[in-house]
C-alpha atoms as a PDB file:
ATOM      1  CA  MET A   1     -10.066 134.207 110.225  1.00  0.00           C
ATOM      2  CA  VAL A   2      -9.295 137.873 110.783  1.00  0.00           C
ATOM      3  CA  SER A   3     -12.369 140.133 110.738  1.00  0.00           C
ATOM      4  CA  GLY A   4     -13.031 141.498 107.244  1.00  0.00           C
ATOM      5  CA  SER A   5     -10.340 139.328 105.666  1.00  0.00           C
ATOM      6  CA  PRO A   6     -10.796 136.007 103.833  1.00  0.00           C
ATOM      7  CA  VAL A   7      -7.272 134.907 104.822  1.00  0.00           C
ATOM      8  CA  PRO A   8      -7.540 132.103 107.417  1.00  0.00           C
ATOM      9  CA  GLN A   9      -5.627 132.565 110.648  1.00  0.00           C
ATOM     10  CA  ARG A  10      -3.689 129.359 110.076  1.00  0.00           C
ATOM     11  CA  VAL A  11      -2.422 130.780 106.775  1.00  0.00           C
ATOM     12  CA  LEU A  12      -1.310 133.980 108.491  1.00  0.00           C
ATOM     13  CA  ASN A  13       0.456 131.958 111.150  1.00  0.00           C
ATOM     14  CA  ALA A  14       2.130 129.672 108.607  1.00  0.00           C
ATOM     15  CA  PHE A  15       3.669 132.608 106.742  1.00  0.00           C
ATOM     16  CA  GLY A  16       4.508 134.565 109.894  1.00  0.00           C
ATOM     17  CA  ALA A  17       2.230 137.447 108.965  1.00  0.00           C
ATOM     18  CA  GLN A  18       2.174 140.372 111.397  1.00  0.00           C
ATOM     19  CA  GLY A  19      -0.820 142.623 112.026  1.00  0.00           C
ATOM     20  CA  GLU A  20      -4.283 142.640 110.517  1.00  0.00           C
ATOM     21  CA  PRO A  21      -4.598 142.068 106.748  1.00  0.00           C
ATOM     22  CA  GLU A  22      -5.416 145.116 104.641  1.00  0.00           C
ATOM     23  CA  LYS A  23      -6.970 144.749 101.184  1.00  0.00           C
ATOM     24  CA  LEU A  24      -4.807 146.092  98.374  1.00  0.00           C
ATOM     25  CA  PRO A  25      -6.926 148.292  96.050  1.00  0.00           C
ATOM     26  CA  GLY A  26      -7.852 146.745  92.701  1.00  0.00           C
ATOM     27  CA  SER A  27      -6.434 143.377  93.710  1.00  0.00           C
ATOM     28  CA  SER A  28      -7.401 140.105  95.361  1.00  0.00           C
ATOM     29  CA  ALA A  29      -4.269 140.366  97.524  1.00  0.00           C
ATOM     30  CA  TRP A  30      -4.048 141.314 101.202  1.00  0.00           C
ATOM     31  CA  ARG A  31      -1.131 143.080 102.867  1.00  0.00           C
ATOM     32  CA  CYS A  32       0.164 142.348 106.366  1.00  0.00           C
ATOM     33  CA  ALA A  33       3.030 144.764 107.079  1.00  0.00           C
ATOM     34  CA  GLU A  34       5.798 143.743 104.640  1.00  0.00           C
ATOM     35  CA  LEU A  35       4.009 140.573 103.527  1.00  0.00           C
ATOM     36  CA  VAL A  36       1.423 140.234 100.732  1.00  0.00           C
ATOM     37  CA  LEU A  37      -0.879 137.215 100.576  1.00  0.00           C
ATOM     38  CA  LYS A  38      -2.648 136.226  97.358  1.00  0.00           C
ATOM     39  CA  PRO A  39      -5.230 133.521  96.626  1.00  0.00           C
ATOM     40  CA  VAL A  40      -3.971 130.799  94.292  1.00  0.00           C
ATOM     41  CA  THR A  41      -6.167 129.714  91.379  1.00  0.00           C
ATOM     42  CA  ASP A  42      -3.568 127.644  89.510  1.00  0.00           C
ATOM     43  CA  LYS A  43      -1.303 125.689  91.846  1.00  0.00           C
ATOM     44  CA  ALA A  44       1.158 124.521  89.168  1.00  0.00           C
ATOM     45  CA  ARG A  45       1.636 128.080  87.885  1.00  0.00           C
ATOM     46  CA  ALA A  46       1.994 129.496  91.412  1.00  0.00           C
ATOM     47  CA  VAL A  47       4.675 126.980  92.410  1.00  0.00           C
ATOM     48  CA  TRP A  48       6.559 127.480  89.129  1.00  0.00           C
ATOM     49  CA  LEU A  49       6.412 131.270  89.462  1.00  0.00           C
ATOM     50  CA  ALA A  50       7.571 131.179  93.089  1.00  0.00           C
ATOM     51  CA  ASN A  51      10.577 129.089  92.132  1.00  0.00           C
ATOM     52  CA  VAL A  52      11.405 131.455  89.255  1.00  0.00           C
ATOM     53  CA  LEU A  53      10.948 134.720  91.153  1.00  0.00           C
ATOM     54  CA  GLY A  54      12.816 133.284  94.108  1.00  0.00           C
ATOM     55  CA  ARG A  55      16.038 132.977  92.131  1.00  0.00           C
ATOM     56  CA  LEU A  56      15.610 135.500  89.326  1.00  0.00           C
ATOM     57  CA  VAL A  57      18.219 138.272  89.271  1.00  0.00           C
ATOM     58  CA  VAL A  58      17.579 141.058  86.764  1.00  0.00           C
ATOM     59  CA  PRO A  59      19.730 144.210  86.734  1.00  0.00           C
ATOM     60  CA  ASP A  60      17.758 147.413  87.323  1.00  0.00           C
ATOM     61  CA  LEU A  61      14.524 145.618  88.231  1.00  0.00           C
ATOM     62  CA  ARG A  62      12.970 145.114  91.646  1.00  0.00           C
ATOM     63  CA  ILE A  63      11.508 141.632  92.138  1.00  0.00           C
ATOM     64  CA  ALA A  64       8.816 140.828  94.710  1.00  0.00           C
ATOM     65  CA  ARG A  65      10.395 137.780  96.304  1.00  0.00           C
ATOM     66  CA  PRO A  66       8.089 134.896  97.262  1.00  0.00           C
ATOM     67  CA  VAL A  67       8.005 133.749 100.870  1.00  0.00           C
ATOM     68  CA  ARG A  68       7.896 130.141 102.014  1.00  0.00           C
ATOM     69  CA  ALA A  69       5.732 129.004 104.903  1.00  0.00           C
ATOM     70  CA  THR A  70       7.394 127.722 108.057  1.00  0.00           C
ATOM     71  CA  ASP A  71       7.212 124.152 106.701  1.00  0.00           C
ATOM     72  CA  GLY A  72       8.892 125.152 103.418  1.00  0.00           C
ATOM     73  CA  ARG A  73       5.810 125.132 101.203  1.00  0.00           C
ATOM     74  CA  TRP A  74       4.927 127.925  98.774  1.00  0.00           C
ATOM     75  CA  ILE A  75       1.161 127.437  99.146  1.00  0.00           C
ATOM     76  CA  ILE A  76      -0.871 127.022 102.336  1.00  0.00           C
ATOM     77  CA  GLY A  77      -4.633 126.573 102.243  1.00  0.00           C
ATOM     78  CA  GLY A  78      -4.883 128.048  98.740  1.00  0.00           C
ATOM     79  CA  TRP A  79      -2.762 131.125  99.568  1.00  0.00           C
ATOM     80  CA  ALA A  80       0.762 132.194  98.560  1.00  0.00           C
ATOM     81  CA  ALA A  81       2.884 134.979 100.035  1.00  0.00           C
ATOM     82  CA  GLY A  82       5.503 137.432  98.837  1.00  0.00           C
ATOM     83  CA  ARG A  83       7.358 140.519  99.976  1.00  0.00           C
ATOM     84  CA  PHE A  84       5.565 143.845  99.640  1.00  0.00           C
ATOM     85  CA  LEU A  85       6.905 145.948  96.789  1.00  0.00           C
ATOM     86  CA  PRO A  86       6.143 149.691  96.937  1.00  0.00           C
ATOM     87  CA  GLY A  87       4.918 151.455  93.827  1.00  0.00           C
ATOM     88  CA  ARG A  88       1.978 151.727  91.476  1.00  0.00           C
ATOM     89  CA  PRO A  89       1.286 151.242  87.753  1.00  0.00           C
ATOM     90  CA  GLU A  90       2.077 154.285  85.616  1.00  0.00           C
ATOM     91  CA  HIS A  91       2.068 155.024  81.899  1.00  0.00           C
ATOM     92  CA  ARG A  92       5.857 154.882  81.606  1.00  0.00           C
ATOM     93  CA  HIS A  93       5.723 152.823  78.446  1.00  0.00           C
ATOM     94  CA  ASP A  94       9.365 152.783  77.380  1.00  0.00           C
ATOM     95  CA  GLU A  95      10.426 151.656  80.857  1.00  0.00           C
ATOM     96  CA  THR A  96       7.804 148.908  80.769  1.00  0.00           C
ATOM     97  CA  MET A  97       9.180 147.789  77.411  1.00  0.00           C
ATOM     98  CA  LEU A  98      12.710 147.649  78.798  1.00  0.00           C
ATOM     99  CA  ALA A  99      11.456 145.685  81.800  1.00  0.00           C
ATOM    100  CA  ALA A 100       9.780 143.166  79.475  1.00  0.00           C
ATOM    101  CA  LEU A 101      12.960 142.715  77.446  1.00  0.00           C
ATOM    102  CA  LYS A 102      15.153 142.353  80.533  1.00  0.00           C
ATOM    103  CA  LEU A 103      12.800 139.778  82.014  1.00  0.00           C
ATOM    104  CA  ALA A 104      12.757 137.837  78.755  1.00  0.00           C
ATOM    105  CA  GLN A 105      16.540 137.776  78.706  1.00  0.00           C
ATOM    106  CA  ALA A 106      16.593 136.483  82.291  1.00  0.00           C
ATOM    107  CA  THR A 107      14.001 133.763  81.648  1.00  0.00           C
ATOM    108  CA  ALA A 108      15.565 132.513  78.408  1.00  0.00           C
ATOM    109  CA  ARG A 109      17.352 129.671  80.196  1.00  0.00           C
ATOM    110  CA  PHE A 110      14.216 128.216  81.775  1.00  0.00           C
ATOM    111  CA  PRO A 111      12.623 125.133  80.179  1.00  0.00           C
ATOM    112  CA  ARG A 112       9.044 125.283  78.959  1.00  0.00           C
ATOM    113  CA  PRO A 113       6.750 124.736  81.969  1.00  0.00           C
ATOM    114  CA  ASP A 114       4.627 121.592  81.678  1.00  0.00           C
ATOM    115  CA  PHE A 115       1.471 123.422  82.753  1.00  0.00           C
ATOM    116  CA  LEU A 116       1.515 125.641  79.651  1.00  0.00           C
ATOM    117  CA  GLY A 117       0.448 122.698  77.516  1.00  0.00           C
ATOM    118  CA  ARG A 118      -2.527 122.048  79.801  1.00  0.00           C
ATOM    119  CA  ARG A 119      -3.687 125.649  80.091  1.00  0.00           C
ATOM    120  CA  GLN A 120      -7.205 126.055  78.700  1.00  0.00           C
ATOM    121  CA  GLY A 121      -8.285 129.583  79.659  1.00  0.00           C
ATOM    122  CA  PRO A 122      -9.288 132.347  77.214  1.00  0.00           C
ATOM    123  CA  ASP A 123      -5.802 133.868  77.083  1.00  0.00           C
ATOM    124  CA  ALA A 124      -4.198 130.511  76.328  1.00  0.00           C
ATOM    125  CA  LEU A 125      -6.675 129.923  73.504  1.00  0.00           C
ATOM    126  CA  ALA A 126      -6.283 133.492  72.206  1.00  0.00           C
ATOM    127  CA  ASP A 127      -2.522 132.972  72.072  1.00  0.00           C
ATOM    128  CA  ARG A 128      -2.905 129.857  69.918  1.00  0.00           C
ATOM    129  CA  ILE A 129      -5.453 131.591  67.672  1.00  0.00           C
ATOM    130  CA  ALA A 130      -3.094 134.523  67.125  1.00  0.00           C
ATOM    131  CA  TRP A 131      -0.259 132.223  66.065  1.00  0.00           C
ATOM    132  CA  GLY A 132      -2.496 130.213  63.731  1.00  0.00           C
ATOM    133  CA  GLU A 133      -2.193 127.016  65.780  1.00  0.00           C
ATOM    134  CA  VAL A 134      -5.973 126.594  66.108  1.00  0.00           C
ATOM    135  CA  ASP A 135      -8.789 127.822  63.889  1.00  0.00           C
ATOM    136  CA  VAL A 136     -11.451 129.409  66.077  1.00  0.00           C
ATOM    137  CA  PRO A 137     -13.725 132.149  64.670  1.00  0.00           C
ATOM    138  CA  VAL A 138     -13.284 135.595  66.218  1.00  0.00           C
ATOM    139  CA  GLU A 139     -16.693 137.182  66.743  1.00  0.00           C
ATOM    140  CA  GLU A 140     -17.155 140.012  64.241  1.00  0.00           C
ATOM    141  CA  ARG A 141     -18.786 142.492  66.605  1.00  0.00           C
ATOM    142  CA  LYS A 142     -16.008 141.959  69.162  1.00  0.00           C
ATOM    143  CA  GLY A 143     -13.023 142.501  66.895  1.00  0.00           C
ATOM    144  CA  GLY A 144     -13.406 139.820  64.238  1.00  0.00           C
ATOM    145  CA  ARG A 145     -13.405 142.249  61.303  1.00  0.00           C
ATOM    146  CA  TRP A 146     -10.003 143.681  62.252  1.00  0.00           C
ATOM    147  CA  PHE A 147      -8.729 140.171  62.987  1.00  0.00           C
ATOM    148  CA  GLU A 148      -9.642 139.001  59.469  1.00  0.00           C
ATOM    149  CA  VAL A 149      -8.059 142.070  57.870  1.00  0.00           C
ATOM    150  CA  LEU A 150      -4.794 141.689  59.752  1.00  0.00           C
ATOM    151  CA  ALA A 151      -4.466 137.899  59.921  1.00  0.00           C
ATOM    152  CA  VAL A 152      -3.705 137.624  56.191  1.00  0.00           C
ATOM    153  CA  ALA A 153      -0.488 139.586  56.827  1.00  0.00           C
ATOM    154  CA  ARG A 154       0.966 136.857  59.045  1.00  0.00           C
ATOM    155  CA  ARG A 155       4.353 135.611  57.885  1.00  0.00           C
ATOM    156  CA  PRO A 156       6.619 132.992  59.486  1.00  0.00           C
ATOM    157  CA  VAL A 157       8.539 134.302  62.495  1.00  0.00           C
ATOM    158  CA  ARG A 158      12.054 132.865  62.474  1.00  0.00           C
ATOM    159  CA  LEU A 159      12.944 133.419  66.108  1.00  0.00           C
ATOM    160  CA  PRO A 160      13.380 130.763  68.812  1.00  0.00           C
ATOM    161  CA  ASP A 161      10.658 130.261  71.402  1.00  0.00           C
ATOM    162  CA  GLN A 162      11.416 130.597  75.093  1.00  0.00           C
ATOM    163  CA  VAL A 163       9.692 131.393  78.382  1.00  0.00           C
ATOM    164  CA  VAL A 164       8.560 134.982  77.962  1.00  0.00           C
ATOM    165  CA  PRO A 165       6.627 137.275  80.334  1.00  0.00           C
ATOM    166  CA  GLY A 166       3.262 138.419  79.030  1.00  0.00           C
ATOM    167  CA  ASP A 167       0.602 140.829  80.312  1.00  0.00           C
ATOM    168  CA  LEU A 168       3.058 143.317  81.831  1.00  0.00           C
ATOM    169  CA  PHE A 169       1.109 146.461  80.904  1.00  0.00           C
ATOM    170  CA  GLY A 170      -0.293 147.819  84.164  1.00  0.00           C
ATOM    171  CA  ALA A 171       1.553 145.131  86.151  1.00  0.00           C
ATOM    172  CA  VAL A 172       4.926 146.871  86.416  1.00  0.00           C
ATOM    173  CA  LEU A 173       5.167 149.059  89.520  1.00  0.00           C
ATOM    174  CA  PHE A 174       6.900 152.429  89.579  1.00  0.00           C
ATOM    175  CA  ASP A 175       8.066 154.219  92.706  1.00  0.00           C
ATOM    176  CA  GLY A 176       9.651 157.529  91.764  1.00  0.00           C
ATOM    177  CA  SER A 177      13.207 157.035  90.519  1.00  0.00           C
ATOM    178  CA  SER A 178      13.475 153.481  91.874  1.00  0.00           C
ATOM    179  CA  PRO A 179      13.867 150.671  89.327  1.00  0.00           C
ATOM    180  CA  PRO A 180      10.609 149.219  87.963  1.00  0.00           C
ATOM    181  CA  GLY A 181       9.058 146.542  90.180  1.00  0.00           C
ATOM    182  CA  ILE A 182       7.805 143.118  89.099  1.00  0.00           C
ATOM    183  CA  LEU A 183       5.146 141.431  91.229  1.00  0.00           C
ATOM    184  CA  ASP A 184       4.616 138.456  88.949  1.00  0.00           C
ATOM    185  CA  PHE A 185       3.975 137.704  85.302  1.00  0.00           C
ATOM    186  CA  GLU A 186       2.011 135.385  83.061  1.00  0.00           C
ATOM    187  CA  PRO A 187       4.409 133.020  81.260  1.00  0.00           C
ATOM    188  CA  TYR A 188       4.079 132.136  77.592  1.00  0.00           C
ATOM    189  CA  TYR A 189       6.378 130.197  75.279  1.00  0.00           C
ATOM    190  CA  ARG A 190       7.041 132.539  72.387  1.00  0.00           C
ATOM    191  CA  PRO A 191       9.934 134.596  70.942  1.00  0.00           C
ATOM    192  CA  ALA A 192      11.688 136.790  73.498  1.00  0.00           C
ATOM    193  CA  GLU A 193      10.390 140.100  72.115  1.00  0.00           C
ATOM    194  CA  TRP A 194       6.755 138.963  71.945  1.00  0.00           C
ATOM    195  CA  GLY A 195       6.100 139.983  75.562  1.00  0.00           C
ATOM    196  CA  ALA A 196       7.316 143.487  74.762  1.00  0.00           C
ATOM    197  CA  ALA A 197       5.101 143.535  71.663  1.00  0.00           C
ATOM    198  CA  VAL A 198       2.031 142.714  73.795  1.00  0.00           C
ATOM    199  CA  ALA A 199       2.977 145.492  76.234  1.00  0.00           C
ATOM    200  CA  ALA A 200       3.362 147.883  73.292  1.00  0.00           C
ATOM    201  CA  VAL A 201      -0.047 147.007  71.829  1.00  0.00           C
ATOM    202  CA  ASP A 202      -1.627 147.432  75.266  1.00  0.00           C
ATOM    203  CA  ALA A 203       0.080 150.813  75.657  1.00  0.00           C
ATOM    204  CA  VAL A 204      -1.512 152.023  72.412  1.00  0.00           C
ATOM    205  CA  ALA A 205      -4.893 150.450  73.146  1.00  0.00           C
ATOM    206  CA  TRP A 206      -5.290 151.656  76.711  1.00  0.00           C
ATOM    207  CA  GLY A 207      -2.309 153.773  77.708  1.00  0.00           C
ATOM    208  CA  GLY A 208      -2.332 156.712  75.316  1.00  0.00           C
ATOM    209  CA  ALA A 209       0.764 155.652  73.348  1.00  0.00           C
ATOM    210  CA  ASP A 210       0.870 156.392  69.624  1.00  0.00           C
ATOM    211  CA  LEU A 211       2.256 155.103  66.347  1.00  0.00           C
ATOM    212  CA  GLU A 212       5.605 156.817  66.917  1.00  0.00           C
ATOM    213  CA  PHE A 213       5.994 154.824  70.119  1.00  0.00           C
ATOM    214  CA  LEU A 214       5.642 151.586  68.130  1.00  0.00           C
ATOM    215  CA  ARG A 215       8.097 152.847  65.514  1.00  0.00           C
ATOM    216  CA  ARG A 216      10.617 153.724  68.223  1.00  0.00           C
ATOM    217  CA  TRP A 217      11.041 150.023  68.951  1.00  0.00           C
ATOM    218  CA  SER A 218      11.222 148.888  65.331  1.00  0.00           C
ATOM    219  CA  HIS A 219      14.881 147.885  65.766  1.00  0.00           C
ATOM    220  CA  LEU A 220      13.701 144.749  67.572  1.00  0.00           C
ATOM    221  CA  PRO A 221      13.840 141.595  65.425  1.00  0.00           C
ATOM    222  CA  GLU A 222      10.661 140.690  63.530  1.00  0.00           C
ATOM    223  CA  TRP A 223       8.983 143.659  65.239  1.00  0.00           C
ATOM    224  CA  SER A 224       6.097 144.158  62.815  1.00  0.00           C
ATOM    225  CA  GLN A 225       5.214 140.448  62.838  1.00  0.00           C
ATOM    226  CA  LEU A 226       5.397 140.253  66.632  1.00  0.00           C
ATOM    227  CA  LEU A 227       3.192 143.342  66.937  1.00  0.00           C
ATOM    228  CA  LEU A 228       0.787 141.679  64.526  1.00  0.00           C
ATOM    229  CA  ARG A 229       0.646 138.518  66.661  1.00  0.00           C
ATOM    230  CA  ALA A 230       0.196 140.677  69.765  1.00  0.00           C
ATOM    231  CA  VAL A 231      -2.788 142.616  68.414  1.00  0.00           C
ATOM    232  CA  LEU A 232      -4.344 139.387  67.054  1.00  0.00           C
ATOM    233  CA  PHE A 233      -3.867 137.901  70.523  1.00  0.00           C
ATOM    234  CA  ARG A 234      -5.724 140.798  72.114  1.00  0.00           C
ATOM    235  CA  LEU A 235      -8.509 140.786  69.498  1.00  0.00           C
ATOM    236  CA  ALA A 236      -9.053 137.056  69.955  1.00  0.00           C
ATOM    237  CA  GLY A 237      -8.986 137.453  73.734  1.00  0.00           C
ATOM    238  CA  ASN A 238     -11.577 140.224  73.527  1.00  0.00           C
ATOM    239  CA  SER A 239     -13.825 137.954  71.475  1.00  0.00           C
ATOM    240  CA  LEU A 240     -13.519 135.167  74.057  1.00  0.00           C
ATOM    241  CA  ASN A 241     -14.124 137.452  77.045  1.00  0.00           C
ATOM    242  CA  PRO A 242     -17.815 137.538  78.025  1.00  0.00           C
ATOM    243  CA  ARG A 243     -17.192 140.733  80.017  1.00  0.00           C
ATOM    244  CA  ALA A 244     -15.468 142.612  77.189  1.00  0.00           C
ATOM    245  CA  THR A 245     -16.418 146.291  77.086  1.00  0.00           C
ATOM    246  CA  VAL A 246     -17.024 148.737  74.256  1.00  0.00           C
ATOM    247  CA  SER A 247     -14.142 150.922  75.436  1.00  0.00           C
ATOM    248  CA  ALA A 248     -11.773 147.943  75.367  1.00  0.00           C
ATOM    249  CA  LEU A 249     -12.717 147.220  71.777  1.00  0.00           C
ATOM    250  CA  ASP A 250     -12.316 150.897  70.848  1.00  0.00           C
ATOM    251  CA  GLY A 251      -8.778 150.778  72.210  1.00  0.00           C
ATOM    252  CA  LEU A 252      -8.009 147.597  70.302  1.00  0.00           C
ATOM    253  CA  ARG A 253      -9.307 149.136  67.076  1.00  0.00           C
ATOM    254  CA  ALA A 254      -6.870 152.025  67.567  1.00  0.00           C
ATOM    255  CA  ALA A 255      -4.023 149.587  68.238  1.00  0.00           C
ATOM    256  CA  ALA A 256      -4.971 147.494  65.193  1.00  0.00           C
ATOM    257  CA  ALA A 257      -4.957 150.598  62.982  1.00  0.00           C
ATOM    258  CA  SER A 258      -1.511 151.602  64.265  1.00  0.00           C
ATOM    259  CA  VAL A 259      -0.066 148.110  63.786  1.00  0.00           C
ATOM    260  CA  SER A 260      -1.471 147.983  60.246  1.00  0.00           C
ATOM    261  CA  GLU A 261       0.638 151.055  59.413  1.00  0.00           C
ATOM    262  CA  LEU A 262       3.798 149.089  60.204  1.00  0.00           C
ATOM    263  CA  LEU A 263       3.016 145.960  58.180  1.00  0.00           C
END
C-alpha cells in the first residue's frame, strides 16, 4: 500500500496506475496521473455502470470512461478505475438540466438493471415513497408536514419508465467552455424527465435557483407532476437520513414552496 493511501499496491499495478495516489477533495476517490480509483460499495451497480459508461456516446457531453484491469475485470480488490475528467461542480443549472435530458435520451435503450429491484438504501426507499409504491411515514420534523401537504396533489403520470440518471446536481463537472463532464450517475427506473426534475429541485433547494427557473422548463411533459415526485423524493430521503441537517431541510422547504406554486 502506498503511504497515506488506502489503495493497495496490487490494485495500482492491476490498473497500470502511475505515480503516488492523491486524494481528490470531497471524494473517496484517489487520482494517479490520468487515472482515478474509487472504492466500490455495490459491485452489481459498479459493473453495470462501467459497462454503460464504457459504450455511452452523448453529443456535447464528456464521459469519464472506465478502465479495465490488465485481466479484463472492472473491479480489483474492491476498487474500480476510470479516466480523470477535469472540471468542478458549478451552479450552471440550465446546463445541468440539458445534461440530464441528454443522458436520459442516451440511456433509454437500456433494460432495467436487475439490481434496482434489490436496492434497499434510503434513496431507493425514498423513491418508492415518493411514487406511492410503499406507505412509510415521513417524520414531521424532518419534512413530513410539507410531504403531507404536497402528496395529495399526486396524479397519474402517463409517461413510460426507463433507465434515468438521478442525483446529477453537484455531480456534473464544468471546465470553462468545455462540454459538461459526467463522472457517473445513480440509475433509477422512472420517466425520462424525472432525473431533470430532481436536478431542478436540488438547484432550488441548495443552488440558489428560483421559481422562474422551474417555470423555464415547464415545456417538458408532465413537468409539474415530475417536480412534485422529485420534491417528495427529497423530503422522504431527508426523513430517512440520520445525518440530515437543518440547512438541508430549509432548502427543501423553499423547493417545496416553489413546486407548490406550479401545481
